[in-house]
């Protein structure tokens, strides 16, 4: 017997001991549950990231040419002659292997960039594929370090990047900062914060038949990714897929538009330098400059594992056709005809700034720009009267401050290509011929070579080309919603072959949400425009002629990986899968079919009697 203090009751001592044990068990359970909850909130992961970010990243310098450091001026080489149509030509007969580059807002000659041929493209793919073998072995921490180095350089060289982008695409510096810098740095932040979690193995349920197994999906690098970028945002479109491609462990061989090849030289040096200063082979990132032949060669190169194309539906079909001959998967983002719906219960003064930004940012050259403004009938004329003076006050001109003839303040820059001016004018002329009203603008701005006046076209109807075809310019297309009817509005939104994004502005958010869910688009916002792209955890993409596939978000990052399904034993030292004797070759016909039928009944018959009968069947045919 154990000694007890005088007067101590054995029953009380037992209760105290039990209470202590219970308290200890309860405390242990509570600690366990707290730790599990912290794990489900990814607290440990983010703590690791925070500690990792305490370690500084290397500084880097990137050489810039004289032209890249200036707001104005031309290359030391003389510009080639203009074509017979008096348009600047990217081709020069005297230098057939080069692209001639111009500032679209001034017409100044910037220089020439090599137009790569099929052999050049293949050599770039060979270098990238070789470098990818080592890059794929890097840890996520090492990849984050490269991205942090990039971000540090971008943040400290905002004006340099915006200036180079502006000279190559004619956009104002504010549009460059928002569309080139803000979007890119948010992409980096999101990848660094969440990318590793999105690429962790995904465990899947096995079901009772395979309860002794563990099933999961691993996301492993594909190899060589080939993004083909458009010209509207030279820096972001170039870097966007490089960031996600590298983070997923791939090499990236990206083709830039021939219209913005000049800026790609500086942007390429930035990315490659970030790899170099962190001890990695810069060949994992390659840039292709050239015309359509270079793009076709990239899509068909045997070393390319996936193609990502952003551009027009016509070229997208050609890209898909070329890739299909080699069974290469593609992601297509083919632009849009996004609608902004303005419902009758809104405060118009609150909506006007959103409409202006949606229609005229980057001179309307946005894949998710507002191409159709649907206004309810009861507020239609009030809307036009309120918005027209604002559009007429927009200042258009050369974006950079030291350029000739610049007044120092510009809201809208130039179109990147001269061809787009002809496309816009044809759409406006067709609409006017069919009864539309031009409230303001509607023609080229003769103050510059590639300027189109900020324009409002009202009373647009579905039979007009401007209703259906992408304008990609500074055009506000205003459409009346008859009878303030939501169903009419939804029908008008969906009467379009594009289906990228959309937005609804209304007083009742639930009403806007209900309407947006009936739009045939890949994305929509309520009382907002464009902000979804600043939430890089959301996938980006559309339906119909806007393409298919997604980039950004976990879906976009995982799309750059091979999804490998894996099945292993849950308790390998205790239970391993074996083939039941009735199903082993050579099979006894009677026992084999009887055993298989009984197994199906046991697993999937919903009645208990059926399951019991199946158990006896397994015993009968399994012996």
Foldseek 3Di string as FASTA:
>chain_A
DDDDPPPDDPVVVVVVVVVVVVVVVVVVVVVVVVVVVCVVVVVVVQVVLVVLPVDDADADDFDDDPLLVDLDDEDPDDAADDDPVRHRALADPVCRQWGWAFQQQARGTHGIDGADALVVLLVLLVLQLVQLVVLLPDDLSLLLSLLVNLLVVCVVCVVSLLSLLCRLFFAASVLLCVVQPLLSNLLSVCCSNCVVVLQPKAWDDDAPVVPQKTKIKGWGFQEEEEEEFESLRQRCRLCVCVSLNSSRSYQYEYEYESSRVVSVVRSLSSSLRSQVSSPGHSSSYHYHYHDVNSLLSNLQRPSHQEYEYEEALVVVVVSVVSNVVVPHYYFYQHAFQAEEEEFPAFDLVLCLVQLQCLQQRSQLQDSQRHLEYEYEPVCQVVNCVVNLVVLVPAAEHRRDQPYPPDPRDHDYTFGSDQVLQVLLLVQLVQQVVVPKDKSDFSHADVVGDGGGRQTEIECGDLVGVSLEDRSSGNYYYYHYQPPSDLVSVLVSQQSYQGAFEYEYEHPDQVVRVVSRVSHQHPYYYYNHGPCVSSVQLDWGFIDGSSTDATDGRSRNSSVSTDTDMDMDGNDVVPDDDDDQVCCDPPHDVVLVVQLVVLVCQLRDPPDPVSNVVSVVSNVVSRD
